[in-house]
Protein backbone atom coordinates (compact mmCIF):
# COMPACT_ATOMS: atom_id res chain seq x y z
CA UNK A 1 -0.06 -0.04 -0.01
CA UNK A 2 1.27 3.47 -0.82
CA UNK A 3 1.66 6.00 2.02
CA UNK A 4 -1.18 8.47 2.40
CA UNK A 5 -0.34 12.18 2.53
CA UNK A 6 -2.12 14.75 4.54
CA UNK A 7 -2.83 18.34 3.43
CA UNK A 8 -5.64 19.44 5.72
CA UNK A 9 -5.57 17.37 8.82
CA UNK A 10 -8.07 19.31 10.97
CA UNK A 11 -10.74 19.12 8.22
CA UNK A 12 -10.10 15.42 7.67
CA UNK A 13 -10.12 14.63 11.35
CA UNK A 14 -13.44 16.54 11.67
CA UNK A 15 -14.88 14.48 8.90
CA UNK A 16 -13.71 11.33 10.58
CA UNK A 17 -15.44 12.25 13.74
CA UNK A 18 -18.57 13.17 11.89
CA UNK A 19 -19.04 9.71 10.51
CA UNK A 20 -17.86 8.03 13.71
CA UNK A 21 -15.84 5.45 11.61
CA UNK A 22 -13.28 3.02 12.84
CA UNK A 23 -9.82 3.48 11.68
CA UNK A 24 -9.15 1.49 8.44
CA UNK A 25 -6.24 1.35 5.97
CA UNK A 26 -7.42 4.51 4.24
CA UNK A 27 -8.38 6.29 7.36
CA UNK A 28 -6.54 8.98 9.40
CA UNK A 29 -4.86 7.66 12.49
CA UNK A 30 -5.54 9.20 15.90
CA UNK A 31 -1.83 10.06 16.01
CA UNK A 32 -2.28 12.67 13.27
CA UNK A 33 -4.22 14.91 15.73
CA UNK A 34 -1.05 15.79 17.64
CA UNK A 35 0.62 17.01 14.46
CA UNK A 36 -2.37 18.70 12.78
CA UNK A 37 -1.71 22.33 13.78
CA UNK A 38 1.86 22.26 12.48
CA UNK A 39 0.76 20.53 9.19
CA UNK A 40 -1.78 23.40 8.72
CA UNK A 41 1.01 25.92 9.33
CA UNK A 42 3.11 24.11 6.73
CA UNK A 43 5.87 23.65 9.26
CA UNK A 44 5.79 19.88 8.74
CA UNK A 45 4.32 17.28 6.47
CA UNK A 46 2.89 13.98 7.46
CA UNK A 47 1.88 10.70 5.79
CA UNK A 48 1.26 7.08 6.87
CA UNK A 49 1.06 3.58 5.59
CA UNK A 50 -0.45 0.43 7.29
CA UNK A 51 2.30 0.32 10.02
CA UNK A 52 3.92 3.67 10.46
CA UNK A 53 3.28 7.35 10.72
CA UNK A 54 5.92 9.51 9.02
CA UNK A 55 6.89 13.13 9.85
CA UNK A 56 8.95 15.36 7.63
CA UNK A 57 10.51 18.58 8.78
CA UNK A 58 13.54 20.79 8.35
CA UNK A 59 14.43 20.52 12.13
CA UNK A 60 13.98 24.28 12.66
CA UNK A 61 11.09 25.26 15.16
CA UNK A 62 9.36 28.62 15.01
CA UNK A 63 10.45 29.78 18.44
CA UNK A 64 13.61 31.52 19.46
CA UNK A 65 16.52 29.09 19.86
CA UNK A 66 19.86 28.95 21.75
CA UNK A 67 19.23 31.89 24.16
CA UNK A 68 20.30 31.07 27.71
CA UNK A 69 22.80 28.26 26.96
CA UNK A 70 25.83 28.52 29.29
CA UNK A 71 27.68 25.44 28.06
CA UNK A 72 28.02 25.93 24.31
CA UNK A 73 29.86 23.71 21.87
CA UNK A 74 29.88 26.52 19.18
CA UNK A 75 27.16 24.74 17.10
CA UNK A 76 24.33 26.75 15.52
CA UNK A 77 20.98 25.78 14.10
CA UNK A 78 21.16 24.65 10.43
CA UNK A 79 18.20 23.14 8.51
CA UNK A 80 18.10 19.28 8.24
CA UNK A 81 16.64 17.09 5.58
CA UNK A 82 14.23 14.93 7.54
CA UNK A 83 12.32 14.12 4.40
CA UNK A 84 11.55 11.11 2.13
CA UNK A 85 13.35 7.93 3.35
CA UNK A 86 15.04 10.11 6.04
CA UNK A 87 11.62 11.13 7.64
CA UNK A 88 10.77 10.40 11.22
CA UNK A 89 8.86 7.04 11.63
CA UNK A 90 6.54 6.21 14.46
CA UNK A 91 4.69 2.83 14.96
CA UNK A 92 1.00 3.27 14.52
CA UNK A 93 0.26 0.20 16.66
CA UNK A 94 2.79 0.17 19.51
CA UNK A 95 3.50 -3.21 21.10
CA UNK A 96 4.27 -3.51 24.84
CA UNK A 97 7.78 -4.72 25.33
CA UNK A 98 8.31 -7.97 27.13
CA UNK A 99 11.04 -6.06 29.12
CA UNK A 100 10.69 -2.29 29.05
CA UNK A 101 13.94 -0.42 28.68
CA UNK A 102 15.10 2.58 30.75
CA UNK A 103 16.86 5.54 29.09
CA UNK A 104 18.93 6.08 32.20
CA UNK A 105 22.43 5.29 30.94
CA UNK A 106 21.00 3.90 27.74
CA UNK A 107 19.90 5.42 24.43
CA UNK A 108 22.38 8.30 25.00
CA UNK A 109 22.64 8.83 21.24
CA UNK A 110 19.94 9.99 18.89
CA UNK A 111 16.27 10.80 19.54
CA UNK A 112 13.95 8.98 21.86
CA UNK A 113 10.81 10.97 20.86
CA UNK A 114 9.41 13.37 18.34
CA UNK A 115 7.72 16.65 19.23
CA UNK A 116 4.41 17.65 17.55
CA UNK A 117 6.27 20.43 15.63
CA UNK A 118 8.68 17.83 14.03
CA UNK A 119 11.59 18.54 16.29
CA UNK A 120 13.47 15.43 17.60
CA UNK A 121 13.68 15.01 21.40
CA UNK A 122 16.89 13.43 22.75
CA UNK A 123 17.57 11.72 25.95
CA UNK A 124 17.62 14.32 28.91
CA UNK A 125 21.06 12.86 29.66
CA UNK A 126 23.76 13.91 27.26
CA UNK A 127 26.14 11.53 25.63
CA UNK A 128 28.30 11.66 28.78
CA UNK A 129 25.35 10.60 30.92
CA UNK A 130 24.93 14.01 32.58
CA UNK A 131 21.63 15.90 32.95
CA UNK A 132 21.94 18.40 30.04
CA UNK A 133 19.48 20.82 31.67
CA UNK A 134 21.35 20.89 35.00
CA UNK A 135 24.72 21.35 33.16
CA UNK A 136 23.44 24.49 31.42
CA UNK A 137 23.55 23.13 27.95
CA UNK A 138 19.89 24.01 27.05
CA UNK A 139 18.08 27.03 25.90
CA UNK A 140 14.82 28.48 27.26
CA UNK A 141 12.79 25.88 25.44
CA UNK A 142 14.92 22.90 26.49
CA UNK A 143 16.89 22.55 23.26
CA UNK A 144 20.32 23.12 21.67
CA UNK A 145 22.33 21.98 18.65
CA UNK A 146 24.23 18.74 18.24
CA UNK A 147 27.43 18.19 16.49
CA UNK A 148 25.87 18.28 13.07
CA UNK A 149 24.26 21.71 13.92
CA UNK A 150 21.01 19.90 14.30
CA UNK A 151 18.56 21.54 16.75
CA UNK A 152 16.71 19.15 19.14
CA UNK A 153 15.17 19.17 22.59
CA UNK A 154 16.23 17.41 25.62
CA UNK A 155 13.20 18.23 27.74
CA UNK A 156 9.54 17.69 27.04
CA UNK A 157 8.19 20.58 24.84
CA UNK A 158 5.36 21.69 27.11
CA UNK A 159 5.22 25.06 25.36
CA UNK A 160 3.50 23.18 22.42
CA UNK A 161 0.45 22.45 24.55
CA UNK A 162 -1.19 25.85 23.72
CA UNK A 163 -0.63 25.01 19.98
CA UNK A 164 -1.90 21.39 19.89
CA UNK A 165 -4.73 21.99 22.33
CA UNK A 166 -5.70 20.63 25.73
CA UNK A 167 -6.13 16.87 25.53
CA UNK A 168 -3.73 16.26 22.71
CA UNK A 169 -0.13 14.86 23.08
CA UNK A 170 2.72 17.27 22.72
CA UNK A 171 4.98 14.45 21.40
CA UNK A 172 5.28 10.85 20.68
CA UNK A 173 8.00 8.53 21.98
CA UNK A 174 9.68 6.50 19.16
CA UNK A 175 7.97 3.30 20.52
CA UNK A 176 4.66 4.71 19.39
CA UNK A 177 3.10 5.85 22.75
CA UNK A 178 1.93 9.46 23.25
CA UNK A 179 3.54 11.94 25.58
CA UNK A 180 1.14 14.41 27.35
CA UNK A 181 1.95 17.56 29.16
CA UNK A 182 1.77 18.19 32.99
CA UNK A 183 -1.91 17.19 33.14
CA UNK A 184 -4.09 14.30 31.92
CA UNK A 185 -5.94 14.78 28.65
CA UNK A 186 -9.10 15.69 30.64
CA UNK A 187 -7.27 18.35 32.64
CA UNK A 188 -7.02 16.36 35.89
CA UNK A 189 -4.04 15.97 38.01
CA UNK A 190 -1.37 13.30 37.00
CA UNK A 191 -0.85 10.57 39.57
CA UNK A 192 0.71 7.15 39.72
CA UNK A 193 3.44 7.41 37.16
CA UNK A 194 5.76 4.40 36.78
CA UNK A 195 9.61 4.51 36.53
CA UNK A 196 9.22 5.28 32.87
CA UNK A 197 7.15 8.50 33.60
CA UNK A 198 4.02 6.70 32.25
CA UNK A 199 0.82 4.89 33.15
CA UNK A 200 -2.43 3.49 31.79
CA UNK A 201 -5.61 5.35 31.55
CA UNK A 202 -9.06 4.09 32.53
CA UNK A 203 -9.33 2.33 29.22
CA UNK A 204 -6.04 0.54 29.65
CA UNK A 205 -4.23 2.71 27.15
CA UNK A 206 -0.60 3.53 28.11
CA UNK A 207 0.92 6.99 27.72
CA UNK A 208 3.80 9.10 29.12
CA UNK A 209 3.76 12.56 30.84
CA UNK A 210 6.05 15.53 31.04
CA UNK A 211 7.37 16.23 34.48
CA UNK A 212 9.34 19.15 35.86
CA UNK A 213 12.06 16.84 37.35
CA UNK A 214 14.08 14.09 35.74
CA UNK A 215 13.35 12.18 33.58
CA UNK A 216 11.28 15.14 32.26
CA UNK A 217 9.45 12.90 29.59
CA UNK A 218 9.52 9.21 28.77
CA UNK A 219 12.19 7.77 30.97
CA UNK A 220 12.36 4.68 28.85
CA UNK A 221 10.32 2.69 26.44
CA UNK A 222 7.27 0.82 27.46
CA UNK A 223 6.95 -0.38 23.85
CA UNK A 224 9.11 -2.38 21.65
CA UNK A 225 12.07 -0.56 20.02
CA UNK A 226 15.26 -1.77 18.49
CA UNK A 227 18.45 -0.58 20.04
CA UNK A 228 21.59 -0.34 17.92
CA UNK A 229 24.84 1.33 18.86
CA UNK A 230 23.22 3.37 21.70
CA UNK A 231 20.16 4.65 19.97
CA UNK A 232 16.70 3.67 18.66
CA UNK A 233 17.10 2.24 15.22
CA UNK A 234 16.09 3.16 12.55
CA UNK A 235 15.79 6.87 12.76
CA UNK A 236 16.79 9.82 10.47
CA UNK A 237 20.33 10.97 10.19
CA UNK A 238 21.42 14.64 10.49
CA UNK A 239 23.75 15.90 7.76
CA UNK A 240 26.71 18.00 9.08
CA UNK A 241 27.80 21.00 7.00
CA UNK A 242 30.65 22.00 9.38
CA UNK A 243 33.14 20.04 11.53
CA UNK A 244 32.07 19.55 15.13
CA UNK A 245 33.70 22.01 17.47
CA UNK A 246 34.92 22.19 21.01
CA UNK A 247 33.10 23.82 23.84
CA UNK A 248 33.62 27.57 24.28
CA UNK A 249 34.46 28.09 27.90
CA UNK A 250 32.51 30.73 29.98
CA UNK A 251 30.29 31.72 26.98
CA UNK A 252 26.62 32.47 27.51
CA UNK A 253 24.30 32.88 24.47
CA UNK A 254 22.30 36.05 24.84
CA UNK A 255 20.54 36.46 21.42
CA UNK A 256 19.65 34.57 18.30
CA UNK A 257 17.84 36.33 15.57
CA UNK A 258 16.89 36.01 11.83
CA UNK A 259 18.20 39.25 10.51
CA UNK A 260 16.61 38.60 7.07
CA UNK A 261 15.21 35.48 5.31
CA UNK A 262 17.88 32.92 5.36
CA UNK A 263 20.35 34.94 7.52
CA UNK A 264 20.96 34.55 11.24
CA UNK A 265 23.06 36.08 13.95
CA UNK A 266 23.95 34.43 17.28
CA UNK A 267 25.30 36.73 20.05
CA UNK A 268 27.31 35.32 23.01
CA UNK A 269 29.19 36.79 25.90
CA UNK A 270 32.57 35.82 27.44
CA UNK A 271 32.96 37.90 30.66
CA UNK A 272 31.59 41.29 29.66
CA UNK A 273 32.65 41.14 26.05
CA UNK A 274 30.41 40.16 23.14
CA UNK A 275 31.09 37.90 20.18
CA UNK A 276 28.89 37.01 17.27
CA UNK A 277 28.42 34.23 14.68
CA UNK A 278 26.52 35.37 11.70
CA UNK A 279 25.64 33.17 8.63
CA UNK A 280 23.59 33.07 5.54
CA UNK A 281 22.23 30.01 3.86
CA UNK A 282 22.44 29.65 0.04
CA UNK A 283 20.11 27.72 -2.24
CA UNK A 284 22.91 25.29 -3.11
CA UNK A 285 23.09 24.14 0.54
CA UNK A 286 26.22 26.15 1.28
CA UNK A 287 26.53 28.63 4.19
CA UNK A 288 28.74 31.71 4.51
CA UNK A 289 29.81 32.37 8.15
CA UNK A 290 31.21 35.54 9.62
CA UNK A 291 32.87 35.43 13.07
CA UNK A 292 33.56 38.27 15.41
CA UNK A 293 35.16 37.14 18.62
CA UNK A 294 34.99 39.07 21.85
CA UNK A 295 38.35 40.76 21.21
CA UNK A 296 36.89 42.22 17.94
CA UNK A 297 38.84 39.90 15.62
CA UNK A 298 36.83 39.19 12.42
CA UNK A 299 37.07 36.14 10.16
CA UNK A 300 34.84 34.32 7.68
CA UNK A 301 34.31 30.90 6.27
CA UNK A 302 32.16 29.35 3.61
CA UNK A 303 31.06 25.76 4.05
CA UNK A 304 29.65 23.57 1.26
CA UNK A 305 27.81 20.27 1.55
CA UNK A 306 30.36 17.58 2.34
CA UNK A 307 31.78 15.55 -0.46
CA UNK A 308 33.90 12.46 -0.39
CA UNK A 309 37.53 12.23 -1.06
CA UNK A 310 40.38 14.68 -0.84
CA UNK A 311 39.22 18.19 -1.07
CA UNK A 312 36.10 17.76 1.06
CA UNK A 313 35.38 20.72 3.45
CA UNK A 314 37.24 19.95 6.62
CA UNK A 315 38.40 23.40 7.37
CA UNK A 316 37.82 24.64 10.96
CA UNK A 317 36.48 27.94 12.08
CA UNK A 318 38.79 30.29 14.00
CA UNK A 319 39.94 29.35 17.57
CA UNK A 320 37.90 30.38 20.50
CA UNK A 321 38.57 33.74 22.07
CA UNK A 322 41.05 34.06 25.02
CA UNK A 323 39.84 33.27 28.48
CA UNK A 324 39.37 35.86 31.22
CA UNK A 325 42.57 37.66 31.99
CA UNK A 326 44.39 36.13 29.16
CA UNK A 327 46.59 38.24 26.80
CA UNK A 328 47.46 37.23 23.34
CA UNK A 329 50.47 38.33 21.47
CA UNK A 330 51.60 37.28 18.04
CA UNK A 331 50.96 33.74 19.08
CA UNK A 332 48.49 32.49 21.67
CA UNK A 333 50.81 30.91 24.28
CA UNK A 334 47.97 28.96 25.93
CA UNK A 335 47.33 26.86 22.78
CA UNK A 336 49.89 24.19 22.04
CA UNK A 337 50.91 24.02 18.37
CA UNK A 338 48.96 21.36 16.41
CA UNK A 339 50.26 17.84 16.86
CA UNK A 340 53.07 17.32 14.28
CA UNK A 341 52.47 14.20 12.26
CA UNK A 342 55.17 11.71 11.65
CA UNK A 343 54.56 11.64 7.93
CA UNK A 344 56.93 8.73 7.32
CA UNK A 345 55.09 6.46 9.73
CA UNK A 346 51.62 7.85 10.32
CA UNK A 347 50.29 10.54 8.02
CA UNK A 348 51.26 11.14 4.40
CA UNK A 349 51.61 14.49 2.63
CA UNK A 350 47.93 14.48 1.64
CA UNK A 351 46.86 14.15 5.32
CA UNK A 352 45.92 10.40 4.97
CA UNK A 353 46.61 8.01 7.82
CA UNK A 354 49.16 5.25 6.99
CA UNK A 355 47.56 1.82 6.36
CA UNK A 356 50.03 0.55 9.01
CA UNK A 357 47.80 2.29 11.66
CA UNK A 358 44.57 0.69 10.51
CA UNK A 359 42.93 -2.68 10.54
CA UNK A 360 44.10 -3.21 6.88
CA UNK A 361 47.79 -3.06 8.13
CA UNK A 362 49.61 -3.79 11.37
CA UNK A 363 47.08 -1.86 13.56
CA UNK A 364 49.74 0.21 15.36
CA UNK A 365 48.92 3.50 17.14
CA UNK A 366 50.19 6.53 15.25
CA UNK A 367 53.13 8.72 16.16
CA UNK A 368 52.17 12.13 17.38
CA UNK A 369 54.17 15.22 18.57
CA UNK A 370 53.24 18.52 20.04
CA UNK A 371 54.88 21.68 21.38
CA UNK A 372 54.45 25.05 23.04
CA UNK A 373 52.32 23.90 26.02
CA UNK A 374 51.47 26.42 28.68
CA UNK A 375 53.82 26.74 31.67
CA UNK A 376 51.18 25.50 34.07
CA UNK A 377 50.87 22.17 32.29
CA UNK A 378 51.32 19.17 34.72
CA UNK A 379 50.40 16.40 32.32
CA UNK A 380 48.78 15.62 28.89
CA UNK A 381 45.90 13.51 27.66
CA UNK A 382 45.30 12.37 24.07
CA UNK A 383 42.14 11.23 22.47
CA UNK A 384 41.68 9.81 18.87
CA UNK A 385 38.11 10.01 17.84
CA UNK A 386 35.72 10.23 14.92
CA UNK A 387 32.33 11.97 14.60
CA UNK A 388 29.74 10.61 12.26
CA UNK A 389 26.46 12.54 11.60
CA UNK A 390 24.65 10.86 14.59
CA UNK A 391 27.50 9.40 16.80
CA UNK A 392 31.02 9.84 18.19
CA UNK A 393 33.44 6.92 18.29
CA UNK A 394 36.58 6.68 20.46
CA UNK A 395 39.64 4.69 19.18
CA UNK A 396 42.43 5.62 21.55
CA UNK A 397 42.70 7.21 24.85
CA UNK A 398 46.00 8.05 26.78
CA UNK A 399 46.09 10.10 29.91
CA UNK A 400 48.55 11.14 32.69
CA UNK A 401 51.30 11.72 30.16
CA UNK A 402 54.17 13.41 31.95
CA UNK A 403 54.57 17.15 31.33
CA UNK A 404 58.14 16.70 30.06
CA UNK A 405 56.86 14.37 27.24
CA UNK A 406 56.22 16.02 23.92
CA UNK A 407 55.66 13.05 21.59
CA UNK A 408 54.53 9.44 21.39
CA UNK A 409 56.23 7.07 18.93
CA UNK A 410 54.40 4.72 16.69
CA UNK A 411 52.89 1.76 18.72
CA UNK A 412 53.60 3.54 22.00
CA UNK A 413 52.44 1.62 24.94
CA UNK A 414 54.66 2.58 27.88
CA UNK A 415 54.02 6.29 28.17
CA UNK A 416 51.06 7.47 30.25
CA UNK A 417 48.00 5.38 31.10
CA UNK A 418 45.63 3.78 28.71
CA UNK A 419 41.87 4.59 28.89
CA UNK A 420 38.96 2.51 27.43
CA UNK A 421 38.09 2.65 23.76
CA UNK A 422 34.61 2.03 22.53
CA UNK A 423 35.26 -1.70 22.67
CA UNK A 424 35.93 -1.17 26.35
CA UNK A 425 39.59 -2.22 25.97
CA UNK A 426 42.64 -0.39 27.14
CA UNK A 427 44.33 -0.46 23.81
CA UNK A 428 44.50 1.29 20.48
CA UNK A 429 41.53 0.32 18.29
CA UNK A 430 42.72 0.61 14.61
CA UNK A 431 40.30 2.30 12.25
CA UNK A 432 38.28 -0.25 10.25
CA UNK A 433 35.64 1.82 8.41
CA UNK A 434 32.67 -0.26 7.32
CA UNK A 435 31.18 2.31 4.94
CA UNK A 436 32.56 3.48 1.59
CA UNK A 437 34.67 6.58 0.99
CA UNK A 438 37.01 8.84 2.84
CA UNK A 439 36.50 9.34 6.56
CA UNK A 440 37.87 12.16 8.73
CA UNK A 441 39.37 11.39 12.12
CA UNK A 442 40.78 13.56 14.90
CA UNK A 443 43.58 13.42 17.51
CA UNK A 444 43.18 16.03 20.29
CA UNK A 445 45.99 16.80 22.70
CA UNK A 446 44.88 18.20 26.14
CA UNK A 447 47.28 20.11 28.35
CA UNK A 448 46.06 19.70 31.96
CA UNK A 449 46.91 21.63 35.10
CA UNK A 450 46.67 18.40 37.31
CA UNK A 451 46.28 14.63 36.88
CA UNK A 452 42.64 13.51 36.80
CA UNK A 453 41.85 11.01 39.44
CA UNK A 454 39.77 8.02 38.35
CA UNK A 455 40.70 5.80 41.28
CA UNK A 456 40.65 2.21 40.23
CA UNK A 457 38.28 2.88 37.29
CA UNK A 458 39.46 3.17 33.73
CA UNK A 459 38.11 6.16 32.04
CA UNK A 460 36.45 6.20 28.56
CA UNK A 461 36.24 9.25 26.35
CA UNK A 462 33.21 10.70 27.94
CA UNK A 463 34.38 10.33 31.54
CA UNK A 464 37.77 11.76 30.64
CA UNK A 465 36.15 14.84 29.00
CA UNK A 466 33.99 15.29 32.14
CA UNK A 467 36.89 14.94 34.50
CA UNK A 468 39.16 17.41 32.71
CA UNK A 469 36.65 20.18 32.17
CA UNK A 470 38.21 22.39 34.85
CA UNK A 471 41.76 21.04 34.38
CA UNK A 472 42.28 21.82 30.66
CA UNK A 473 44.54 24.81 30.11
CA UNK A 474 45.04 24.23 26.39
CA UNK A 475 44.02 21.81 23.69
CA UNK A 476 44.62 21.31 19.96
CA UNK A 477 43.33 18.99 17.38
CA UNK A 478 44.86 17.39 14.25
CA UNK A 479 42.40 16.29 11.56
CA UNK A 480 43.44 13.43 9.22
CA UNK A 481 41.71 11.09 6.70
CA UNK A 482 41.58 7.38 5.92
CA UNK A 483 39.95 5.37 3.16
CA UNK A 484 39.55 1.73 3.64
CA UNK A 485 41.37 -0.54 1.15
CA UNK A 486 38.98 -1.48 -1.66
CA UNK A 487 36.54 1.26 -0.62
CA UNK A 488 35.10 3.41 -3.43
């Protein structure tokens, strides 16, 4: 059966009520009611087949974004192509799971629900397992941008209740069960929620509720879902236009405005000084960015949709502004020089990783060298990682490297301590890309003011980044590429 498209949901829903018909293959599902107002406003498009309800959107809500964020990773809202085969998909007939799954410590990647306005909702815990709201990562509507500049919520979008109307869900979990606001559909007080923030109504129908405390929305899945690599599968993929950036310390976002159709300006403060990120979107999918940091320094960058192979856009925006009290001369003495690649053993003149450091070769860790660390450096940490549109993978983690060390040789195993890679092993995990084409990877060197203490536990990338938030005095990243043998 072909999917059914919807143009005027309110009218069609009214017709359905008028004839009091049961839902059939060619009828409108009850789920459509939650999305009707945004279909009418042409903010989203919906369709369905016999099994699923599909929602298409560009990932940009009609409310102000980003304002109030105090822990900012320098990402900004860019439209996404949640359309066609990349549309959001929700089961029309949810099936109770034999063993419901909690989102506490699970499903830390990707969306767990979809708001009525077509904006995805991620786990309230970020990919480090911390409460994103309590860490100051969210704006006034409970959202922010991910590494692909994809805007999404981490809290229940209760502000949508006024739009969808009392008694209608504000979102749907990806298992197919509705999420209501702070009240029951009839306006009565919510009582008796289970550990997943849900319960059954008088007719035995299960639903979730928004709450003002954790877990804020569905705290897991009462219904069946497929978990793969830490997220509900399948779900749409965001498409990054720019490389993912590092957090900008002490920055607070104070304004985000559309200056003219297709042009935006984000204003932030570091101390009492302002910086701005302005950008204009072009019809060909490219975006021109203009940066003014708090010192007044200006720069610009144009990003085009990513393409595979050498020559793809992997250029990085300008470095973050100096921290409070920091003075910059001709060279910033708080930022170590980029890692110097051992081209003979690790990276060639094109910036491609040696096969010797991958699963197609000997699988040896790359040589890496750095310099010009700040005087207060007590030790170093190194992370080799890769960011796909919807996930981050860690291949190598070394910490507590002595301050007098400035390089690691190929296949180094005796300097510093090894953390856990994504396979939960204390070793170098050689790149072994499954997909075709060129992939970009990163090595970040952190200069730390003290050794992080993990006790007897071995850190992974997430726990290391959390532990060194206040210890990092400088950091720098080297980008390099790798194409799997035989990959085209």
